[in-house]
Amino acid sequence: MRQFIVNGWNSIFDAEVSPLRNIPDVATRHYVLQGLAFMWAVAFATAIGSYTVLAASILGHTVLIAAAAITVATFSAAAERPELFANNLGRCINGEHE
């Protein structure tokens, strides 16, 4: 059962597993995922008949998907361009900020 849930989660939110992996641009992939989240939030709010929960559902989906997209973008940047993270965080050689 646990593996079923993990596989289901990964098939949606893992950029290496999801069919959205074929979209090369991370920003476009994120936009498409946001659109799908909005669609599902509206569908569930309509099905439940509670329009008062719609805004919270959209916001919740947006936050979760944005967090997943930012994580994917960070991991991708770390894998492809690790030098982005190796600049001593803006500090000079003596440890002081510029």
PDB file of N, CA and C in Angstrom:
ATOM      1  N   MET A   1       0.831  -1.192   0.000  1.00  0.00           N
ATOM      2  CA  MET A   1       0.000   0.000   0.000  1.00  0.00           C
ATOM      3  C   MET A   1       0.878   1.259   0.000  1.00  0.00           C
ATOM      4  N   ARG A   2       1.933   1.233   0.828  1.00  0.00           N
ATOM      5  CA  ARG A   2       2.832   2.385   0.905  1.00  0.00           C
ATOM      6  C   ARG A   2       3.460   2.670  -0.463  1.00  0.00           C
ATOM      7  N   GLN A   3       3.920   1.622  -1.132  1.00  0.00           N
ATOM      8  CA  GLN A   3       4.556   1.790  -2.440  1.00  0.00           C
ATOM      9  C   GLN A   3       3.561   2.328  -3.472  1.00  0.00           C
ATOM     10  N   PHE A   4       2.313   1.911  -3.361  1.00  0.00           N
ATOM     11  CA  PHE A   4       1.270   2.412  -4.257  1.00  0.00           C
ATOM     12  C   PHE A   4       1.114   3.924  -4.104  1.00  0.00           C
ATOM     13  N   ILE A   5       1.106   4.385  -2.860  1.00  0.00           N
ATOM     14  CA  ILE A   5       0.969   5.817  -2.597  1.00  0.00           C
ATOM     15  C   ILE A   5       2.204   6.572  -3.088  1.00  0.00           C
ATOM     16  N   VAL A   6       3.388   6.021  -2.818  1.00  0.00           N
ATOM     17  CA  VAL A   6       4.632   6.663  -3.263  1.00  0.00           C
ATOM     18  C   VAL A   6       4.676   6.742  -4.786  1.00  0.00           C
ATOM     19  N   ASN A   7       4.300   5.668  -5.456  1.00  0.00           N
ATOM     20  CA  ASN A   7       4.288   5.670  -6.925  1.00  0.00           C
ATOM     21  C   ASN A   7       3.294   6.688  -7.477  1.00  0.00           C
ATOM     22  N   GLY A   8       2.128   6.776  -6.852  1.00  0.00           N
ATOM     23  CA  GLY A   8       1.129   7.760  -7.273  1.00  0.00           C
ATOM     24  C   GLY A   8       1.625   9.187  -7.091  1.00  0.00           C
ATOM     25  N   TRP A   9       2.242   9.440  -5.949  1.00  0.00           N
ATOM     26  CA  TRP A   9       2.798  10.767  -5.673  1.00  0.00           C
ATOM     27  C   TRP A   9       3.879  11.114  -6.692  1.00  0.00           C
ATOM     28  N   ASN A  10       4.806  10.191  -6.908  1.00  0.00           N
ATOM     29  CA  ASN A  10       5.912  10.435  -7.832  1.00  0.00           C
ATOM     30  C   ASN A  10       5.435  10.625  -9.268  1.00  0.00           C
ATOM     31  N   SER A  11       4.378   9.912  -9.646  1.00  0.00           N
ATOM     32  CA  SER A  11       3.894  10.041 -11.022  1.00  0.00           C
ATOM     33  C   SER A  11       3.316  11.428 -11.295  1.00  0.00           C
ATOM     34  N   ILE A  12       2.986  12.163 -10.242  1.00  0.00           N
ATOM     35  CA  ILE A  12       2.467  13.519 -10.406  1.00  0.00           C
ATOM     36  C   ILE A  12       3.544  14.572 -10.150  1.00  0.00           C
ATOM     37  N   PHE A  13       4.286  14.436  -9.048  1.00  0.00           N
ATOM     38  CA  PHE A  13       5.165  15.510  -8.600  1.00  0.00           C
ATOM     39  C   PHE A  13       6.642  15.318  -8.910  1.00  0.00           C
ATOM     40  N   ASP A  14       7.063  14.141  -9.331  1.00  0.00           N
ATOM     41  CA  ASP A  14       8.473  13.914  -9.650  1.00  0.00           C
ATOM     42  C   ASP A  14       8.708  14.225 -11.123  1.00  0.00           C
ATOM     43  N   ALA A  15       9.543  15.206 -11.382  1.00  0.00           N
ATOM     44  CA  ALA A  15       9.771  15.654 -12.761  1.00  0.00           C
ATOM     45  C   ALA A  15      10.440  14.595 -13.624  1.00  0.00           C
ATOM     46  N   GLU A  16      11.075  13.610 -13.017  1.00  0.00           N
ATOM     47  CA  GLU A  16      11.721  12.550 -13.794  1.00  0.00           C
ATOM     48  C   GLU A  16      10.744  11.426 -14.153  1.00  0.00           C
ATOM     49  N   VAL A  17       9.601  11.368 -13.482  1.00  0.00           N
ATOM     50  CA  VAL A  17       8.639  10.277 -13.682  1.00  0.00           C
ATOM     51  C   VAL A  17       7.384  10.761 -14.402  1.00  0.00           C
ATOM     52  N   SER A  18       6.934  11.949 -14.061  1.00  0.00           N
ATOM     53  CA  SER A  18       5.704  12.496 -14.618  1.00  0.00           C
ATOM     54  C   SER A  18       5.805  12.659 -16.135  1.00  0.00           C
ATOM     55  N   PRO A  19       4.701  12.493 -16.833  1.00  0.00           N
ATOM     56  CA  PRO A  19       4.719  12.756 -18.275  1.00  0.00           C
ATOM     57  C   PRO A  19       5.101  14.201 -18.611  1.00  0.00           C
ATOM     58  N   LEU A  20       4.996  15.094 -17.647  1.00  0.00           N
ATOM     59  CA  LEU A  20       5.412  16.471 -17.877  1.00  0.00           C
ATOM     60  C   LEU A  20       6.926  16.590 -18.020  1.00  0.00           C
ATOM     61  N   ARG A  21       7.657  15.524 -17.771  1.00  0.00           N
ATOM     62  CA  ARG A  21       9.118  15.538 -17.921  1.00  0.00           C
ATOM     63  C   ARG A  21       9.526  15.829 -19.360  1.00  0.00           C
ATOM     64  N   ASN A  22       8.609  15.614 -20.291  1.00  0.00           N
ATOM     65  CA  ASN A  22       8.909  15.865 -21.698  1.00  0.00           C
ATOM     66  C   ASN A  22       8.885  17.349 -22.052  1.00  0.00           C
ATOM     67  N   ILE A  23       8.410  18.180 -21.128  1.00  0.00           N
ATOM     68  CA  ILE A  23       8.448  19.630 -21.327  1.00  0.00           C
ATOM     69  C   ILE A  23       9.821  20.094 -20.851  1.00  0.00           C
ATOM     70  N   PRO A  24      10.665  20.589 -21.748  1.00  0.00           N
ATOM     71  CA  PRO A  24      12.045  20.896 -21.362  1.00  0.00           C
ATOM     72  C   PRO A  24      12.181  22.102 -20.433  1.00  0.00           C
ATOM     73  N   ASP A  25      11.296  23.073 -20.535  1.00  0.00           N
ATOM     74  CA  ASP A  25      11.408  24.285 -19.735  1.00  0.00           C
ATOM     75  C   ASP A  25      10.725  24.096 -18.387  1.00  0.00           C
ATOM     76  N   VAL A  26      11.476  24.303 -17.293  1.00  0.00           N
ATOM     77  CA  VAL A  26      10.936  24.110 -15.949  1.00  0.00           C
ATOM     78  C   VAL A  26       9.805  25.095 -15.671  1.00  0.00           C
ATOM     79  N   ALA A  27       9.935  26.319 -16.132  1.00  0.00           N
ATOM     80  CA  ALA A  27       8.886  27.315 -15.900  1.00  0.00           C
ATOM     81  C   ALA A  27       7.582  26.913 -16.589  1.00  0.00           C
ATOM     82  N   THR A  28       7.674  26.415 -17.800  1.00  0.00           N
ATOM     83  CA  THR A  28       6.481  25.964 -18.516  1.00  0.00           C
ATOM     84  C   THR A  28       5.873  24.761 -17.823  1.00  0.00           C
ATOM     85  N   ARG A  29       6.718  23.842 -17.385  1.00  0.00           N
ATOM     86  CA  ARG A  29       6.247  22.658 -16.660  1.00  0.00           C
ATOM     87  C   ARG A  29       5.506  23.084 -15.394  1.00  0.00           C
ATOM     88  N   HIS A  30       6.068  24.054 -14.684  1.00  0.00           N
ATOM     89  CA  HIS A  30       5.438  24.562 -13.468  1.00  0.00           C
ATOM     90  C   HIS A  30       4.088  25.207 -13.793  1.00  0.00           C
ATOM     91  N   TYR A  31       4.029  25.989 -14.865  1.00  0.00           N
ATOM     92  CA  TYR A  31       2.788  26.645 -15.278  1.00  0.00           C
ATOM     93  C   TYR A  31       1.703  25.615 -15.592  1.00  0.00           C
ATOM     94  N   VAL A  32       2.068  24.569 -16.306  1.00  0.00           N
ATOM     95  CA  VAL A  32       1.105  23.516 -16.651  1.00  0.00           C
ATOM     96  C   VAL A  32       0.608  22.828 -15.387  1.00  0.00           C
ATOM     97  N   LEU A  33       1.522  22.542 -14.457  1.00  0.00           N
ATOM     98  CA  LEU A  33       1.134  21.887 -13.210  1.00  0.00           C
ATOM     99  C   LEU A  33       0.225  22.793 -12.383  1.00  0.00           C
ATOM    100  N   GLN A  34       0.493  24.111 -12.382  1.00  0.00           N
ATOM    101  CA  GLN A  34      -0.388  25.058 -11.690  1.00  0.00           C
ATOM    102  C   GLN A  34      -1.785  25.062 -12.315  1.00  0.00           C
ATOM    103  N   GLY A  35      -1.841  25.019 -13.637  1.00  0.00           N
ATOM    104  CA  GLY A  35      -3.134  24.969 -14.317  1.00  0.00           C
ATOM    105  C   GLY A  35      -3.922  23.721 -13.958  1.00  0.00           C
ATOM    106  N   LEU A  36      -3.231  22.585 -13.912  1.00  0.00           N
ATOM    107  CA  LEU A  36      -3.892  21.340 -13.515  1.00  0.00           C
ATOM    108  C   LEU A  36      -4.367  21.407 -12.063  1.00  0.00           C
ATOM    109  N   ALA A  37      -3.553  21.993 -11.199  1.00  0.00           N
ATOM    110  CA  ALA A  37      -3.945  22.125  -9.788  1.00  0.00           C
ATOM    111  C   ALA A  37      -5.195  22.985  -9.658  1.00  0.00           C
ATOM    112  N   PHE A  38      -5.237  24.084 -10.399  1.00  0.00           N
ATOM    113  CA  PHE A  38      -6.412  24.953 -10.375  1.00  0.00           C
ATOM    114  C   PHE A  38      -7.647  24.202 -10.856  1.00  0.00           C
ATOM    115  N   MET A  39      -7.487  23.445 -11.940  1.00  0.00           N
ATOM    116  CA  MET A  39      -8.603  22.675 -12.484  1.00  0.00           C
ATOM    117  C   MET A  39      -9.143  21.690 -11.441  1.00  0.00           C
ATOM    118  N   TRP A  40      -8.226  20.952 -10.775  1.00  0.00           N
ATOM    119  CA  TRP A  40      -8.663  19.970  -9.789  1.00  0.00           C
ATOM    120  C   TRP A  40      -9.264  20.636  -8.550  1.00  0.00           C
ATOM    121  N   ALA A  41      -8.736  21.779  -8.155  1.00  0.00           N
ATOM    122  CA  ALA A  41      -9.309  22.493  -7.015  1.00  0.00           C
ATOM    123  C   ALA A  41     -10.742  22.915  -7.312  1.00  0.00           C
ATOM    124  N   VAL A  42     -10.973  23.431  -8.513  1.00  0.00           N
ATOM    125  CA  VAL A  42     -12.325  23.821  -8.917  1.00  0.00           C
ATOM    126  C   VAL A  42     -13.229  22.597  -9.004  1.00  0.00           C
ATOM    127  N   ALA A  43     -12.720  21.514  -9.575  1.00  0.00           N
ATOM    128  CA  ALA A  43     -13.527  20.298  -9.727  1.00  0.00           C
ATOM    129  C   ALA A  43     -13.953  19.746  -8.371  1.00  0.00           C
ATOM    130  N   PHE A  44     -13.015  19.670  -7.424  1.00  0.00           N
ATOM    131  CA  PHE A  44     -13.369  19.136  -6.108  1.00  0.00           C
ATOM    132  C   PHE A  44     -14.299  20.075  -5.349  1.00  0.00           C
ATOM    133  N   ALA A  45     -14.070  21.379  -5.435  1.00  0.00           N
ATOM    134  CA  ALA A  45     -14.946  22.325  -4.750  1.00  0.00           C
ATOM    135  C   ALA A  45     -16.359  22.265  -5.321  1.00  0.00           C
ATOM    136  N   THR A  46     -16.453  22.103  -6.629  1.00  0.00           N
ATOM    137  CA  THR A  46     -17.766  21.993  -7.261  1.00  0.00           C
ATOM    138  C   THR A  46     -18.441  20.685  -6.877  1.00  0.00           C
ATOM    139  N   ALA A  47     -17.669  19.609  -6.877  1.00  0.00           N
ATOM    140  CA  ALA A  47     -18.233  18.302  -6.533  1.00  0.00           C
ATOM    141  C   ALA A  47     -18.727  18.281  -5.092  1.00  0.00           C
ATOM    142  N   ILE A  48     -18.000  18.917  -4.225  1.00  0.00           N
ATOM    143  CA  ILE A  48     -18.407  18.948  -2.817  1.00  0.00           C
ATOM    144  C   ILE A  48     -19.543  19.941  -2.619  1.00  0.00           C
ATOM    145  N   GLY A  49     -19.593  20.933  -3.488  1.00  0.00           N
ATOM    146  CA  GLY A  49     -20.651  21.929  -3.378  1.00  0.00           C
ATOM    147  C   GLY A  49     -20.308  23.036  -2.406  1.00  0.00           C
ATOM    148  N   SER A  50     -19.058  23.136  -2.053  1.00  0.00           N
ATOM    149  CA  SER A  50     -18.655  24.140  -1.083  1.00  0.00           C
ATOM    150  C   SER A  50     -17.749  25.165  -1.754  1.00  0.00           C
ATOM    151  N   TYR A  51     -18.310  26.260  -2.143  1.00  0.00           N
ATOM    152  CA  TYR A  51     -17.522  27.303  -2.798  1.00  0.00           C
ATOM    153  C   TYR A  51     -16.684  28.092  -1.799  1.00  0.00           C
ATOM    154  N   THR A  52     -16.989  27.957  -0.514  1.00  0.00           N
ATOM    155  CA  THR A  52     -16.193  28.663   0.487  1.00  0.00           C
ATOM    156  C   THR A  52     -14.816  28.039   0.647  1.00  0.00           C
ATOM    157  N   VAL A  53     -14.657  26.788   0.271  1.00  0.00           N
ATOM    158  CA  VAL A  53     -13.381  26.093   0.399  1.00  0.00           C
ATOM    159  C   VAL A  53     -12.540  26.260  -0.865  1.00  0.00           C
ATOM    160  N   LEU A  54     -13.123  26.767  -1.927  1.00  0.00           N
ATOM    161  CA  LEU A  54     -12.422  26.864  -3.206  1.00  0.00           C
ATOM    162  C   LEU A  54     -11.152  27.703  -3.101  1.00  0.00           C
ATOM    163  N   ALA A  55     -11.232  28.877  -2.509  1.00  0.00           N
ATOM    164  CA  ALA A  55     -10.050  29.751  -2.421  1.00  0.00           C
ATOM    165  C   ALA A  55      -8.940  29.091  -1.608  1.00  0.00           C
ATOM    166  N   ALA A  56      -9.284  28.481  -0.495  1.00  0.00           N
ATOM    167  CA  ALA A  56      -8.276  27.807   0.328  1.00  0.00           C
ATOM    168  C   ALA A  56      -7.676  26.623  -0.413  1.00  0.00           C
ATOM    169  N   SER A  57      -8.494  25.913  -1.158  1.00  0.00           N
ATOM    170  CA  SER A  57      -8.001  24.768  -1.919  1.00  0.00           C
ATOM    171  C   SER A  57      -7.048  25.211  -3.024  1.00  0.00           C
ATOM    172  N   ILE A  58      -7.401  26.266  -3.733  1.00  0.00           N
ATOM    173  CA  ILE A  58      -6.518  26.788  -4.785  1.00  0.00           C
ATOM    174  C   ILE A  58      -5.205  27.262  -4.175  1.00  0.00           C
ATOM    175  N   LEU A  59      -5.282  27.987  -3.083  1.00  0.00           N
ATOM    176  CA  LEU A  59      -4.079  28.479  -2.426  1.00  0.00           C
ATOM    177  C   LEU A  59      -3.209  27.325  -1.936  1.00  0.00           C
ATOM    178  N   GLY A  60      -3.832  26.331  -1.325  1.00  0.00           N
ATOM    179  CA  GLY A  60      -3.081  25.170  -0.847  1.00  0.00           C
ATOM    180  C   GLY A  60      -2.394  24.421  -1.974  1.00  0.00           C
ATOM    181  N   HIS A  61      -3.111  24.195  -3.064  1.00  0.00           N
ATOM    182  CA  HIS A  61      -2.505  23.520  -4.216  1.00  0.00           C
ATOM    183  C   HIS A  61      -1.365  24.354  -4.802  1.00  0.00           C
ATOM    184  N   THR A  62      -1.570  25.651  -4.881  1.00  0.00           N
ATOM    185  CA  THR A  62      -0.533  26.527  -5.430  1.00  0.00           C
ATOM    186  C   THR A  62       0.731  26.473  -4.586  1.00  0.00           C
ATOM    187  N   VAL A  63       0.580  26.517  -3.281  1.00  0.00           N
ATOM    188  CA  VAL A  63       1.745  26.469  -2.390  1.00  0.00           C
ATOM    189  C   VAL A  63       2.464  25.135  -2.506  1.00  0.00           C
ATOM    190  N   LEU A  64       1.730  24.037  -2.495  1.00  0.00           N
ATOM    191  CA  LEU A  64       2.367  22.721  -2.584  1.00  0.00           C
ATOM    192  C   LEU A  64       3.068  22.511  -3.925  1.00  0.00           C
ATOM    193  N   ILE A  65       2.415  22.879  -4.996  1.00  0.00           N
ATOM    194  CA  ILE A  65       3.024  22.680  -6.314  1.00  0.00           C
ATOM    195  C   ILE A  65       4.196  23.634  -6.513  1.00  0.00           C
ATOM    196  N   ALA A  66       4.074  24.849  -6.008  1.00  0.00           N
ATOM    197  CA  ALA A  66       5.201  25.783  -6.106  1.00  0.00           C
ATOM    198  C   ALA A  66       6.403  25.253  -5.336  1.00  0.00           C
ATOM    199  N   ALA A  67       6.160  24.700  -4.154  1.00  0.00           N
ATOM    200  CA  ALA A  67       7.262  24.130  -3.373  1.00  0.00           C
ATOM    201  C   ALA A  67       7.910  22.969  -4.116  1.00  0.00           C
ATOM    202  N   ALA A  68       7.095  22.122  -4.720  1.00  0.00           N
ATOM    203  CA  ALA A  68       7.649  20.999  -5.489  1.00  0.00           C
ATOM    204  C   ALA A  68       8.428  21.505  -6.697  1.00  0.00           C
ATOM    205  N   ALA A  69       7.903  22.516  -7.389  1.00  0.00           N
ATOM    206  CA  ALA A  69       8.583  23.054  -8.572  1.00  0.00           C
ATOM    207  C   ALA A  69       9.892  23.744  -8.204  1.00  0.00           C
ATOM    208  N   ILE A  70       9.898  24.472  -7.101  1.00  0.00           N
ATOM    209  CA  ILE A  70      11.130  25.123  -6.652  1.00  0.00           C
ATOM    210  C   ILE A  70      12.169  24.085  -6.267  1.00  0.00           C
ATOM    211  N   THR A  71      11.723  23.007  -5.622  1.00  0.00           N
ATOM    212  CA  THR A  71      12.644  21.930  -5.266  1.00  0.00           C
ATOM    213  C   THR A  71      13.232  21.294  -6.511  1.00  0.00           C
ATOM    214  N   VAL A  72      12.398  21.012  -7.496  1.00  0.00           N
ATOM    215  CA  VAL A  72      12.890  20.422  -8.749  1.00  0.00           C
ATOM    216  C   VAL A  72      13.867  21.366  -9.430  1.00  0.00           C
ATOM    217  N   ALA A  73      13.536  22.648  -9.484  1.00  0.00           N
ATOM    218  CA  ALA A  73      14.423  23.620 -10.123  1.00  0.00           C
ATOM    219  C   ALA A  73      15.756  23.722  -9.390  1.00  0.00           C
ATOM    220  N   THR A  74      15.716  23.681  -8.064  1.00  0.00           N
ATOM    221  CA  THR A  74      16.950  23.741  -7.283  1.00  0.00           C
ATOM    222  C   THR A  74      17.796  22.507  -7.509  1.00  0.00           C
ATOM    223  N   PHE A  75      17.179  21.329  -7.476  1.00  0.00           N
ATOM    224  CA  PHE A  75      17.921  20.089  -7.715  1.00  0.00           C
ATOM    225  C   PHE A  75      18.504  20.074  -9.125  1.00  0.00           C
ATOM    226  N   SER A  76      17.725  20.535 -10.100  1.00  0.00           N
ATOM    227  CA  SER A  76      18.214  20.568 -11.481  1.00  0.00           C
ATOM    228  C   SER A  76      19.392  21.523 -11.617  1.00  0.00           C
ATOM    229  N   ALA A  77      19.282  22.680 -11.002  1.00  0.00           N
ATOM    230  CA  ALA A  77      20.384  23.646 -11.062  1.00  0.00           C
ATOM    231  C   ALA A  77      21.621  23.103 -10.368  1.00  0.00           C
ATOM    232  N   ALA A  78      21.442  22.417  -9.246  1.00  0.00           N
ATOM    233  CA  ALA A  78      22.584  21.848  -8.535  1.00  0.00           C
ATOM    234  C   ALA A  78      23.257  20.758  -9.355  1.00  0.00           C
ATOM    235  N   ALA A  79      22.471  20.003 -10.108  1.00  0.00           N
ATOM    236  CA  ALA A  79      23.040  18.926 -10.923  1.00  0.00           C
ATOM    237  C   ALA A  79      23.716  19.463 -12.179  1.00  0.00           C
ATOM    238  N   GLU A  80      23.111  20.465 -12.805  1.00  0.00           N
ATOM    239  CA  GLU A  80      23.615  20.962 -14.082  1.00  0.00           C
ATOM    240  C   GLU A  80      24.622  22.097 -13.940  1.00  0.00           C
ATOM    241  N   ARG A  81      24.446  22.943 -12.940  1.00  0.00           N
ATOM    242  CA  ARG A  81      25.336  24.102 -12.767  1.00  0.00           C
ATOM    243  C   ARG A  81      25.671  24.293 -11.295  1.00  0.00           C
ATOM    244  N   PRO A  82      26.460  23.396 -10.712  1.00  0.00           N
ATOM    245  CA  PRO A  82      26.775  23.498  -9.282  1.00  0.00           C
ATOM    246  C   PRO A  82      27.538  24.765  -8.918  1.00  0.00           C
ATOM    247  N   GLU A  83      28.175  25.409  -9.906  1.00  0.00           N
ATOM    248  CA  GLU A  83      28.923  26.630  -9.610  1.00  0.00           C
ATOM    249  C   GLU A  83      28.008  27.761  -9.126  1.00  0.00           C
ATOM    250  N   LEU A  84      26.716  27.656  -9.392  1.00  0.00           N
ATOM    251  CA  LEU A  84      25.778  28.660  -8.891  1.00  0.00           C
ATOM    252  C   LEU A  84      25.751  28.697  -7.370  1.00  0.00           C
ATOM    253  N   PHE A  85      26.067  27.565  -6.746  1.00  0.00           N
ATOM    254  CA  PHE A  85      26.005  27.462  -5.296  1.00  0.00           C
ATOM    255  C   PHE A  85      27.385  27.539  -4.650  1.00  0.00           C
ATOM    256  N   ALA A  86      28.423  27.781  -5.432  1.00  0.00           N
ATOM    257  CA  ALA A  86      29.790  27.744  -4.915  1.00  0.00           C
ATOM    258  C   ALA A  86      30.446  29.115  -4.957  1.00  0.00           C
ATOM    259  N   ASN A  87      29.731  30.152  -4.632  1.00  0.00           N
ATOM    260  CA  ASN A  87      30.309  31.495  -4.691  1.00  0.00           C
ATOM    261  C   ASN A  87      30.525  32.088  -3.305  1.00  0.00           C
ATOM    262  N   ASN A  88      30.657  31.258  -2.285  1.00  0.00           N
ATOM    263  CA  ASN A  88      30.906  31.693  -0.907  1.00  0.00           C
ATOM    264  C   ASN A  88      29.823  32.621  -0.373  1.00  0.00           C
ATOM    265  N   LEU A  89      28.659  32.542  -0.914  1.00  0.00           N
ATOM    266  CA  LEU A  89      27.493  33.287  -0.454  1.00  0.00           C
ATOM    267  C   LEU A  89      27.728  34.793  -0.401  1.00  0.00           C
ATOM    268  N   GLY A  90      28.500  35.326  -1.357  1.00  0.00           N
ATOM    269  CA  GLY A  90      28.726  36.758  -1.439  1.00  0.00           C
ATOM    270  C   GLY A  90      29.788  37.286  -0.508  1.00  0.00           C
ATOM    271  N   ARG A  91      30.540  36.413   0.129  1.00  0.00           N
ATOM    272  CA  ARG A  91      31.582  36.864   1.049  1.00  0.00           C
ATOM    273  C   ARG A  91      32.916  36.992   0.327  1.00  0.00           C
ATOM    274  N   CYS A  92      33.723  37.935   0.789  1.00  0.00           N
ATOM    275  CA  CYS A  92      35.070  38.100   0.252  1.00  0.00           C
ATOM    276  C   CYS A  92      35.980  37.028   0.835  1.00  0.00           C
ATOM    277  N   ILE A  93      37.223  37.031   0.400  1.00  0.00           N
ATOM    278  CA  ILE A  93      38.185  36.035   0.873  1.00  0.00           C
ATOM    279  C   ILE A  93      38.365  36.112   2.382  1.00  0.00           C
ATOM    280  N   ASN A  94      38.335  37.326   2.957  1.00  0.00           N
ATOM    281  CA  ASN A  94      38.525  37.466   4.404  1.00  0.00           C
ATOM    282  C   ASN A  94      37.247  37.202   5.198  1.00  0.00           C
ATOM    283  N   GLY A  95      36.175  36.828   4.527  1.00  0.00           N
ATOM    284  CA  GLY A  95      34.943  36.454   5.217  1.00  0.00           C
ATOM    285  C   GLY A  95      33.930  37.570   5.352  1.00  0.00           C
ATOM    286  N   GLU A  96      34.302  38.779   4.957  1.00  0.00           N
ATOM    287  CA  GLU A  96      33.394  39.916   5.061  1.00  0.00           C
ATOM    288  C   GLU A  96      32.557  40.048   3.794  1.00  0.00           C
ATOM    289  N   HIS A  97      31.421  40.689   3.939  1.00  0.00           N
ATOM    290  CA  HIS A  97      30.592  40.971   2.762  1.00  0.00           C
ATOM    291  C   HIS A  97      31.219  42.092   1.956  1.00  0.00           C
ATOM    292  N   GLU A  98      30.866  42.154   0.694  1.00  0.00           N
ATOM    293  CA  GLU A  98      31.400  43.216  -0.166  1.00  0.00           C
ATOM    294  C   GLU A  98      30.828  44.556   0.213  1.00  0.00           C
TER     295      GLU A  98
END
